[in-house]
Amino acid sequence: MLGMKAQIDPPFGVSRDVRDGFVRVVVHGDLDLFAAPLLEGELASVERGSDPIVIDLSDLSFLDASGLRPLVGAWSRASAGGRQFTVIRCRPSVRRVFELTGLTDMLGEAVPTPSEANIGG
């Protein structure tokens, strides 16, 4: 069709940084069946440390049940080890997935202050 552009899904990506005692994991793009193993690998690496884990989903455009699996697994292991695990900055569509699955309270949508999580810097 002339004049129409194909919609291209944003690529999945994950990065991390350590600041002031937090490990911040930033996830962007679509977290689905194909991307979940990539996040699992990154979280496994982060879990080797002992710092609290902050998952920043502000750039996540899509999340489905298969994408929740690595987050729930990491939260479960962190909780069992007495480690803080917090999901922050969800877009409304992503937050809705947490609400529909009953995971909002379990993962704790509490947002640390910007200085605590070093968001924006």
C-alpha atoms as a PDB file:
ATOM      1  CA  MET A   1       0.000   0.000   0.000  1.00  0.00           C
ATOM      2  CA  LEU A   2       1.413   3.326  -1.042  1.00  0.00           C
ATOM      3  CA  GLY A   3       1.956   5.927   1.606  1.00  0.00           C
ATOM      4  CA  MET A   4       1.581   3.513   4.527  1.00  0.00           C
ATOM      5  CA  LYS A   5       4.437   2.726   6.828  1.00  0.00           C
ATOM      6  CA  ALA A   6       4.823  -0.622   8.493  1.00  0.00           C
ATOM      7  CA  GLN A   7       4.874  -0.412  12.252  1.00  0.00           C
ATOM      8  CA  ILE A   8       8.112  -1.766  13.614  1.00  0.00           C
ATOM      9  CA  ASP A   9       8.144  -2.967  17.190  1.00  0.00           C
ATOM     10  CA  PRO A  10      10.814  -1.353  19.330  1.00  0.00           C
ATOM     11  CA  PRO A  11      13.735  -3.662  19.949  1.00  0.00           C
ATOM     12  CA  PHE A  12      14.094  -5.154  23.398  1.00  0.00           C
ATOM     13  CA  GLY A  13      16.961  -3.964  25.511  1.00  0.00           C
ATOM     14  CA  VAL A  14      18.174  -4.097  29.064  1.00  0.00           C
ATOM     15  CA  SER A  15      20.954  -2.234  30.815  1.00  0.00           C
ATOM     16  CA  ARG A  16      22.070  -1.772  34.373  1.00  0.00           C
ATOM     17  CA  ASP A  17      24.070   0.507  36.574  1.00  0.00           C
ATOM     18  CA  VAL A  18      25.032   0.605  40.227  1.00  0.00           C
ATOM     19  CA  ARG A  19      24.668   3.840  42.133  1.00  0.00           C
ATOM     20  CA  ASP A  20      24.631   4.557  45.848  1.00  0.00           C
ATOM     21  CA  GLY A  21      23.940   0.976  46.826  1.00  0.00           C
ATOM     22  CA  PHE A  22      21.199   0.202  44.278  1.00  0.00           C
ATOM     23  CA  VAL A  23      21.412  -1.869  41.144  1.00  0.00           C
ATOM     24  CA  ARG A  24      19.096  -0.237  38.625  1.00  0.00           C
ATOM     25  CA  VAL A  25      17.991  -2.429  35.727  1.00  0.00           C
ATOM     26  CA  VAL A  26      16.409  -0.454  32.886  1.00  0.00           C
ATOM     27  CA  VAL A  27      14.198  -2.454  30.525  1.00  0.00           C
ATOM     28  CA  HIS A  28      12.925  -1.082  27.223  1.00  0.00           C
ATOM     29  CA  GLY A  29      10.965  -2.230  24.208  1.00  0.00           C
ATOM     30  CA  ASP A  30       8.749  -5.304  24.245  1.00  0.00           C
ATOM     31  CA  LEU A  31       9.153  -7.872  27.028  1.00  0.00           C
ATOM     32  CA  ASP A  32       7.559 -10.999  25.609  1.00  0.00           C
ATOM     33  CA  LEU A  33       8.285 -14.689  25.060  1.00  0.00           C
ATOM     34  CA  PHE A  34      11.289 -13.943  22.870  1.00  0.00           C
ATOM     35  CA  ALA A  35      12.840 -11.275  25.125  1.00  0.00           C
ATOM     36  CA  ALA A  36      12.216 -12.979  28.495  1.00  0.00           C
ATOM     37  CA  PRO A  37      15.380 -15.159  28.335  1.00  0.00           C
ATOM     38  CA  LEU A  38      17.504 -12.036  27.772  1.00  0.00           C
ATOM     39  CA  LEU A  39      16.068 -10.406  30.889  1.00  0.00           C
ATOM     40  CA  GLU A  40      16.509 -13.652  32.830  1.00  0.00           C
ATOM     41  CA  GLY A  41      20.204 -13.638  31.968  1.00  0.00           C
ATOM     42  CA  GLU A  42      20.662 -10.037  33.046  1.00  0.00           C
ATOM     43  CA  LEU A  43      18.768 -10.585  36.299  1.00  0.00           C
ATOM     44  CA  ALA A  44      20.806 -13.712  37.068  1.00  0.00           C
ATOM     45  CA  SER A  45      23.947 -11.608  36.780  1.00  0.00           C
ATOM     46  CA  VAL A  46      22.506  -8.855  38.988  1.00  0.00           C
ATOM     47  CA  GLU A  47      21.409 -11.393  41.584  1.00  0.00           C
ATOM     48  CA  ARG A  48      25.017 -12.425  42.223  1.00  0.00           C
ATOM     49  CA  GLY A  49      25.434  -9.199  44.206  1.00  0.00           C
ATOM     50  CA  SER A  50      23.742  -8.103  47.386  1.00  0.00           C
ATOM     51  CA  ASP A  51      22.548  -4.572  46.605  1.00  0.00           C
ATOM     52  CA  PRO A  52      18.824  -3.806  46.412  1.00  0.00           C
ATOM     53  CA  ILE A  53      17.436  -4.218  42.901  1.00  0.00           C
ATOM     54  CA  VAL A  54      15.376  -1.481  41.251  1.00  0.00           C
ATOM     55  CA  ILE A  55      13.690  -2.407  37.967  1.00  0.00           C
ATOM     56  CA  ASP A  56      12.912   0.685  35.868  1.00  0.00           C
ATOM     57  CA  LEU A  57      10.155  -0.039  33.339  1.00  0.00           C
ATOM     58  CA  SER A  58       9.615   3.535  32.124  1.00  0.00           C
ATOM     59  CA  ASP A  59      10.733   2.611  28.591  1.00  0.00           C
ATOM     60  CA  LEU A  60       8.923  -0.727  28.444  1.00  0.00           C
ATOM     61  CA  SER A  61       6.250  -0.541  25.747  1.00  0.00           C
ATOM     62  CA  PHE A  62       4.762  -4.050  26.043  1.00  0.00           C
ATOM     63  CA  LEU A  63       4.612  -6.745  28.705  1.00  0.00           C
ATOM     64  CA  ASP A  64       2.872 -10.110  28.609  1.00  0.00           C
ATOM     65  CA  ALA A  65       2.704 -13.070  30.989  1.00  0.00           C
ATOM     66  CA  SER A  66       5.885 -14.639  29.622  1.00  0.00           C
ATOM     67  CA  GLY A  67       7.682 -11.348  30.290  1.00  0.00           C
ATOM     68  CA  LEU A  68       6.440 -11.365  33.882  1.00  0.00           C
ATOM     69  CA  ARG A  69       8.090 -14.734  34.544  1.00  0.00           C
ATOM     70  CA  PRO A  70      11.687 -13.460  34.957  1.00  0.00           C
ATOM     71  CA  LEU A  71      10.508 -10.538  37.103  1.00  0.00           C
ATOM     72  CA  VAL A  72       8.480 -12.777  39.407  1.00  0.00           C
ATOM     73  CA  GLY A  73      11.339 -15.284  39.662  1.00  0.00           C
ATOM     74  CA  ALA A  74      13.845 -12.578  40.575  1.00  0.00           C
ATOM     75  CA  TRP A  75      11.431 -11.059  43.092  1.00  0.00           C
ATOM     76  CA  SER A  76      10.883 -14.465  44.684  1.00  0.00           C
ATOM     77  CA  ARG A  77      14.606 -15.168  45.004  1.00  0.00           C
ATOM     78  CA  ALA A  78      15.275 -11.665  46.338  1.00  0.00           C
ATOM     79  CA  SER A  79      12.506 -12.010  48.933  1.00  0.00           C
ATOM     80  CA  ALA A  80      13.775 -15.410  50.039  1.00  0.00           C
ATOM     81  CA  GLY A  81      17.213 -13.869  50.552  1.00  0.00           C
ATOM     82  CA  GLY A  82      15.924 -10.791  52.372  1.00  0.00           C
ATOM     83  CA  ARG A  83      16.880  -8.504  49.492  1.00  0.00           C
ATOM     84  CA  GLN A  84      14.863  -5.501  48.317  1.00  0.00           C
ATOM     85  CA  PHE A  85      13.361  -5.789  44.822  1.00  0.00           C
ATOM     86  CA  THR A  86      11.289  -2.873  43.519  1.00  0.00           C
ATOM     87  CA  VAL A  87       9.603  -2.222  40.188  1.00  0.00           C
ATOM     88  CA  ILE A  88       9.276   1.473  39.352  1.00  0.00           C
ATOM     89  CA  ARG A  89       8.022   3.842  36.664  1.00  0.00           C
ATOM     90  CA  CYS A  90       5.563   1.589  34.817  1.00  0.00           C
ATOM     91  CA  ARG A  91       3.588   3.011  31.924  1.00  0.00           C
ATOM     92  CA  PRO A  92      -0.177   2.615  32.441  1.00  0.00           C
ATOM     93  CA  SER A  93      -0.421  -0.302  29.982  1.00  0.00           C
ATOM     94  CA  VAL A  94       2.411  -2.141  31.738  1.00  0.00           C
ATOM     95  CA  ARG A  95       1.030  -1.383  35.199  1.00  0.00           C
ATOM     96  CA  ARG A  96      -2.291  -2.840  34.039  1.00  0.00           C
ATOM     97  CA  VAL A  97      -0.615  -6.226  33.442  1.00  0.00           C
ATOM     98  CA  PHE A  98       0.626  -6.191  37.051  1.00  0.00           C
ATOM     99  CA  GLU A  99      -2.875  -5.274  38.245  1.00  0.00           C
ATOM    100  CA  LEU A 100      -4.609  -7.973  36.198  1.00  0.00           C
ATOM    101  CA  THR A 101      -2.252 -10.653  37.478  1.00  0.00           C
ATOM    102  CA  GLY A 102      -2.391  -9.519  41.113  1.00  0.00           C
ATOM    103  CA  LEU A 103       1.324  -8.718  41.205  1.00  0.00           C
ATOM    104  CA  THR A 104       1.247  -5.007  42.047  1.00  0.00           C
ATOM    105  CA  ASP A 105       1.461  -5.583  45.789  1.00  0.00           C
ATOM    106  CA  MET A 106       3.894  -8.470  45.515  1.00  0.00           C
ATOM    107  CA  LEU A 107       6.441  -6.541  43.473  1.00  0.00           C
ATOM    108  CA  GLY A 108       5.887  -3.264  45.272  1.00  0.00           C
ATOM    109  CA  GLU A 109       5.356  -0.330  42.980  1.00  0.00           C
ATOM    110  CA  ALA A 110       6.805   1.973  45.621  1.00  0.00           C
ATOM    111  CA  VAL A 111       9.067   4.511  44.019  1.00  0.00           C
ATOM    112  CA  PRO A 112      12.279   5.352  45.870  1.00  0.00           C
ATOM    113  CA  THR A 113      13.106   9.028  45.993  1.00  0.00           C
ATOM    114  CA  PRO A 114      15.218  10.149  43.014  1.00  0.00           C
ATOM    115  CA  SER A 115      18.291  10.323  45.229  1.00  0.00           C
ATOM    116  CA  GLU A 116      17.716   6.759  46.466  1.00  0.00           C
ATOM    117  CA  ALA A 117      17.382   5.234  43.011  1.00  0.00           C
ATOM    118  CA  ASN A 118      19.390   7.897  41.164  1.00  0.00           C
ATOM    119  CA  ILE A 119      16.707   8.191  38.546  1.00  0.00           C
ATOM    120  CA  GLY A 120      17.308  10.751  35.911  1.00  0.00           C
ATOM    121  CA  GLY A 121      21.026  10.835  36.337  1.00  0.00           C
END
